Amino acid sequence: MPYYRIQLAQKLLSEGVPLQDCAEQVGYQSLAAFTRAFQRVTQKNPSQFM
């Protein structure tokens, strides 16, 4: 499940969706939790991905 959410987040980020909005759209309550999950899956933080 987290992999699907992170893949969706990567798509949203590549489309220019701001980090906070992206985190909320894929179901994370906080930006910190989203960042940790993103790093765990991709080995990069979301701002590096952007």
PDB file of N, CA and C in Angstrom:
ATOM      1  N   MET A   1       0.809  -1.208   0.000  1.00  0.00           N
ATOM      2  CA  MET A   1       0.000   0.000   0.000  1.00  0.00           C
ATOM      3  C   MET A   1       0.849   1.268   0.000  1.00  0.00           C
ATOM      4  N   PRO A   2       1.888   1.379   0.844  1.00  0.00           N
ATOM      5  CA  PRO A   2       2.664   2.624   0.809  1.00  0.00           C
ATOM      6  C   PRO A   2       3.319   2.857  -0.550  1.00  0.00           C
ATOM      7  N   TYR A   3       3.660   1.775  -1.243  1.00  0.00           N
ATOM      8  CA  TYR A   3       4.317   1.946  -2.540  1.00  0.00           C
ATOM      9  C   TYR A   3       3.381   2.621  -3.541  1.00  0.00           C
ATOM     10  N   TYR A   4       2.119   2.219  -3.525  1.00  0.00           N
ATOM     11  CA  TYR A   4       1.149   2.835  -4.426  1.00  0.00           C
ATOM     12  C   TYR A   4       0.984   4.314  -4.099  1.00  0.00           C
ATOM     13  N   ARG A   5       0.884   4.627  -2.808  1.00  0.00           N
ATOM     14  CA  ARG A   5       0.710   6.024  -2.403  1.00  0.00           C
ATOM     15  C   ARG A   5       1.917   6.863  -2.802  1.00  0.00           C
ATOM     16  N   ILE A   6       3.106   6.304  -2.674  1.00  0.00           N
ATOM     17  CA  ILE A   6       4.319   7.044  -3.032  1.00  0.00           C
ATOM     18  C   ILE A   6       4.408   7.210  -4.548  1.00  0.00           C
ATOM     19  N   GLN A   7       4.013   6.199  -5.298  1.00  0.00           N
ATOM     20  CA  GLN A   7       3.998   6.333  -6.763  1.00  0.00           C
ATOM     21  C   GLN A   7       3.036   7.441  -7.180  1.00  0.00           C
ATOM     22  N   LEU A   8       1.877   7.479  -6.557  1.00  0.00           N
ATOM     23  CA  LEU A   8       0.920   8.543  -6.838  1.00  0.00           C
ATOM     24  C   LEU A   8       1.503   9.898  -6.443  1.00  0.00           C
ATOM     25  N   ALA A   9       2.186   9.947  -5.307  1.00  0.00           N
ATOM     26  CA  ALA A   9       2.813  11.192  -4.853  1.00  0.00           C
ATOM     27  C   ALA A   9       3.870  11.659  -5.853  1.00  0.00           C
ATOM     28  N   GLN A  10       4.658  10.730  -6.394  1.00  0.00           N
ATOM     29  CA  GLN A  10       5.676  11.104  -7.388  1.00  0.00           C
ATOM     30  C   GLN A  10       5.017  11.719  -8.610  1.00  0.00           C
ATOM     31  N   LYS A  11       3.900  11.157  -9.028  1.00  0.00           N
ATOM     32  CA  LYS A  11       3.174  11.698 -10.183  1.00  0.00           C
ATOM     33  C   LYS A  11       2.686  13.118  -9.879  1.00  0.00           C
ATOM     34  N   LEU A  12       2.091  13.292  -8.694  1.00  0.00           N
ATOM     35  CA  LEU A  12       1.582  14.605  -8.314  1.00  0.00           C
ATOM     36  C   LEU A  12       2.707  15.631  -8.214  1.00  0.00           C
ATOM     37  N   LEU A  13       3.821  15.236  -7.599  1.00  0.00           N
ATOM     38  CA  LEU A  13       4.957  16.161  -7.471  1.00  0.00           C
ATOM     39  C   LEU A  13       5.508  16.544  -8.842  1.00  0.00           C
ATOM     40  N   SER A  14       5.563  15.594  -9.747  1.00  0.00           N
ATOM     41  CA  SER A  14       6.082  15.892 -11.089  1.00  0.00           C
ATOM     42  C   SER A  14       5.148  16.835 -11.849  1.00  0.00           C
ATOM     43  N   GLU A  15       3.879  16.874 -11.436  1.00  0.00           N
ATOM     44  CA  GLU A  15       2.911  17.789 -12.046  1.00  0.00           C
ATOM     45  C   GLU A  15       2.916  19.156 -11.373  1.00  0.00           C
ATOM     46  N   GLY A  16       3.748  19.318 -10.338  1.00  0.00           N
ATOM     47  CA  GLY A  16       3.876  20.615  -9.688  1.00  0.00           C
ATOM     48  C   GLY A  16       2.986  20.834  -8.473  1.00  0.00           C
ATOM     49  N   VAL A  17       2.370  19.783  -7.958  1.00  0.00           N
ATOM     50  CA  VAL A  17       1.532  19.909  -6.767  1.00  0.00           C
ATOM     51  C   VAL A  17       2.447  20.187  -5.566  1.00  0.00           C
ATOM     52  N   PRO A  18       2.129  21.201  -4.757  1.00  0.00           N
ATOM     53  CA  PRO A  18       2.960  21.500  -3.582  1.00  0.00           C
ATOM     54  C   PRO A  18       3.024  20.315  -2.611  1.00  0.00           C
ATOM     55  N   LEU A  19       4.129  20.215  -1.872  1.00  0.00           N
ATOM     56  CA  LEU A  19       4.358  19.084  -0.963  1.00  0.00           C
ATOM     57  C   LEU A  19       3.209  18.837   0.008  1.00  0.00           C
ATOM     58  N   GLN A  20       2.770  19.863   0.695  1.00  0.00           N
ATOM     59  CA  GLN A  20       1.708  19.694   1.697  1.00  0.00           C
ATOM     60  C   GLN A  20       0.437  19.168   1.036  1.00  0.00           C
ATOM     61  N   ASP A  21       0.065  19.730  -0.099  1.00  0.00           N
ATOM     62  CA  ASP A  21      -1.133  19.282  -0.805  1.00  0.00           C
ATOM     63  C   ASP A  21      -0.980  17.844  -1.280  1.00  0.00           C
ATOM     64  N   CYS A  22       0.191  17.519  -1.757  1.00  0.00           N
ATOM     65  CA  CYS A  22       0.476  16.171  -2.229  1.00  0.00           C
ATOM     66  C   CYS A  22       0.337  15.173  -1.083  1.00  0.00           C
ATOM     67  N   ALA A  23       0.917  15.489   0.055  1.00  0.00           N
ATOM     68  CA  ALA A  23       0.838  14.607   1.220  1.00  0.00           C
ATOM     69  C   ALA A  23      -0.610  14.356   1.611  1.00  0.00           C
ATOM     70  N   GLU A  24      -1.412  15.402   1.629  1.00  0.00           N
ATOM     71  CA  GLU A  24      -2.817  15.263   1.995  1.00  0.00           C
ATOM     72  C   GLU A  24      -3.585  14.444   0.957  1.00  0.00           C
ATOM     73  N   GLN A  25      -3.304  14.669  -0.310  1.00  0.00           N
ATOM     74  CA  GLN A  25      -4.026  13.974  -1.377  1.00  0.00           C
ATOM     75  C   GLN A  25      -3.753  12.476  -1.383  1.00  0.00           C
ATOM     76  N   VAL A  26      -2.575  12.067  -0.960  1.00  0.00           N
ATOM     77  CA  VAL A  26      -2.279  10.632  -0.942  1.00  0.00           C
ATOM     78  C   VAL A  26      -2.556  10.000   0.428  1.00  0.00           C
ATOM     79  N   GLY A  27      -3.094  10.790   1.365  1.00  0.00           N
ATOM     80  CA  GLY A  27      -3.612  10.218   2.595  1.00  0.00           C
ATOM     81  C   GLY A  27      -2.752  10.333   3.839  1.00  0.00           C
ATOM     82  N   TYR A  28      -1.755  11.211   3.837  1.00  0.00           N
ATOM     83  CA  TYR A  28      -0.937  11.386   5.038  1.00  0.00           C
ATOM     84  C   TYR A  28      -1.455  12.551   5.857  1.00  0.00           C
ATOM     85  N   GLN A  29      -1.486  12.366   7.170  1.00  0.00           N
ATOM     86  CA  GLN A  29      -1.975  13.401   8.081  1.00  0.00           C
ATOM     87  C   GLN A  29      -0.948  14.513   8.287  1.00  0.00           C
ATOM     88  N   SER A  30       0.335  14.172   8.140  1.00  0.00           N
ATOM     89  CA  SER A  30       1.365  15.184   8.370  1.00  0.00           C
ATOM     90  C   SER A  30       2.427  15.108   7.283  1.00  0.00           C
ATOM     91  N   LEU A  31       3.049  16.225   7.058  1.00  0.00           N
ATOM     92  CA  LEU A  31       4.130  16.294   6.081  1.00  0.00           C
ATOM     93  C   LEU A  31       5.318  15.453   6.536  1.00  0.00           C
ATOM     94  N   ALA A  32       5.561  15.406   7.842  1.00  0.00           N
ATOM     95  CA  ALA A  32       6.681  14.612   8.373  1.00  0.00           C
ATOM     96  C   ALA A  32       6.489  13.127   8.087  1.00  0.00           C
ATOM     97  N   ALA A  33       5.285  12.619   8.297  1.00  0.00           N
ATOM     98  CA  ALA A  33       5.011  11.203   8.031  1.00  0.00           C
ATOM     99  C   ALA A  33       5.150  10.906   6.535  1.00  0.00           C
ATOM    100  N   PHE A  34       4.666  11.802   5.718  1.00  0.00           N
ATOM    101  CA  PHE A  34       4.788  11.639   4.265  1.00  0.00           C
ATOM    102  C   PHE A  34       6.260  11.607   3.849  1.00  0.00           C
ATOM    103  N   THR A  35       7.052  12.532   4.387  1.00  0.00           N
ATOM    104  CA  THR A  35       8.472  12.607   4.048  1.00  0.00           C
ATOM    105  C   THR A  35       9.203  11.333   4.452  1.00  0.00           C
ATOM    106  N   ARG A  36       8.920  10.824   5.639  1.00  0.00           N
ATOM    107  CA  ARG A  36       9.558   9.575   6.085  1.00  0.00           C
ATOM    108  C   ARG A  36       9.202   8.411   5.164  1.00  0.00           C
ATOM    109  N   ALA A  37       7.932   8.283   4.823  1.00  0.00           N
ATOM    110  CA  ALA A  37       7.503   7.190   3.944  1.00  0.00           C
ATOM    111  C   ALA A  37       8.119   7.344   2.557  1.00  0.00           C
ATOM    112  N   PHE A  38       8.162   8.557   2.057  1.00  0.00           N
ATOM    113  CA  PHE A  38       8.723   8.821   0.732  1.00  0.00           C
ATOM    114  C   PHE A  38      10.198   8.433   0.704  1.00  0.00           C
ATOM    115  N   GLN A  39      10.934   8.819   1.741  1.00  0.00           N
ATOM    116  CA  GLN A  39      12.364   8.483   1.823  1.00  0.00           C
ATOM    117  C   GLN A  39      12.579   6.984   1.952  1.00  0.00           C
ATOM    118  N   ARG A  40      11.728   6.314   2.704  1.00  0.00           N
ATOM    119  CA  ARG A  40      11.861   4.876   2.893  1.00  0.00           C
ATOM    120  C   ARG A  40      11.698   4.135   1.562  1.00  0.00           C
ATOM    121  N   VAL A  41      10.779   4.600   0.714  1.00  0.00           N
ATOM    122  CA  VAL A  41      10.495   3.927  -0.552  1.00  0.00           C
ATOM    123  C   VAL A  41      11.479   4.330  -1.650  1.00  0.00           C
ATOM    124  N   THR A  42      11.793   5.620  -1.748  1.00  0.00           N
ATOM    125  CA  THR A  42      12.575   6.109  -2.892  1.00  0.00           C
ATOM    126  C   THR A  42      14.046   6.395  -2.583  1.00  0.00           C
ATOM    127  N   GLN A  43      14.419   6.403  -1.310  1.00  0.00           N
ATOM    128  CA  GLN A  43      15.775   6.761  -0.880  1.00  0.00           C
ATOM    129  C   GLN A  43      16.110   8.229  -1.152  1.00  0.00           C
ATOM    130  N   LYS A  44      15.092   9.049  -1.423  1.00  0.00           N
ATOM    131  CA  LYS A  44      15.255  10.492  -1.602  1.00  0.00           C
ATOM    132  C   LYS A  44      14.142  11.181  -0.843  1.00  0.00           C
ATOM    133  N   ASN A  45      14.400  12.424  -0.438  1.00  0.00           N
ATOM    134  CA  ASN A  45      13.296  13.145   0.168  1.00  0.00           C
ATOM    135  C   ASN A  45      12.484  13.809  -0.948  1.00  0.00           C
ATOM    136  N   PRO A  46      11.244  14.202  -0.669  1.00  0.00           N
ATOM    137  CA  PRO A  46      10.382  14.739  -1.728  1.00  0.00           C
ATOM    138  C   PRO A  46      10.957  15.972  -2.427  1.00  0.00           C
ATOM    139  N   SER A  47      11.626  16.834  -1.696  1.00  0.00           N
ATOM    140  CA  SER A  47      12.183  18.025  -2.340  1.00  0.00           C
ATOM    141  C   SER A  47      13.316  17.662  -3.304  1.00  0.00           C
ATOM    142  N   GLN A  48      14.068  16.606  -3.018  1.00  0.00           N
ATOM    143  CA  GLN A  48      15.089  16.146  -3.950  1.00  0.00           C
ATOM    144  C   GLN A  48      14.434  15.589  -5.211  1.00  0.00           C
ATOM    145  N   PHE A  49      13.307  14.915  -5.043  1.00  0.00           N
ATOM    146  CA  PHE A  49      12.601  14.356  -6.186  1.00  0.00           C
ATOM    147  C   PHE A  49      12.104  15.451  -7.112  1.00  0.00           C
ATOM    148  N   MET A  50      11.599  16.525  -6.506  1.00  0.00           N
ATOM    149  CA  MET A  50      11.048  17.623  -7.307  1.00  0.00           C
ATOM    150  C   MET A  50      12.161  18.236  -8.134  1.00  0.00           C
TER     151      MET A  50
END
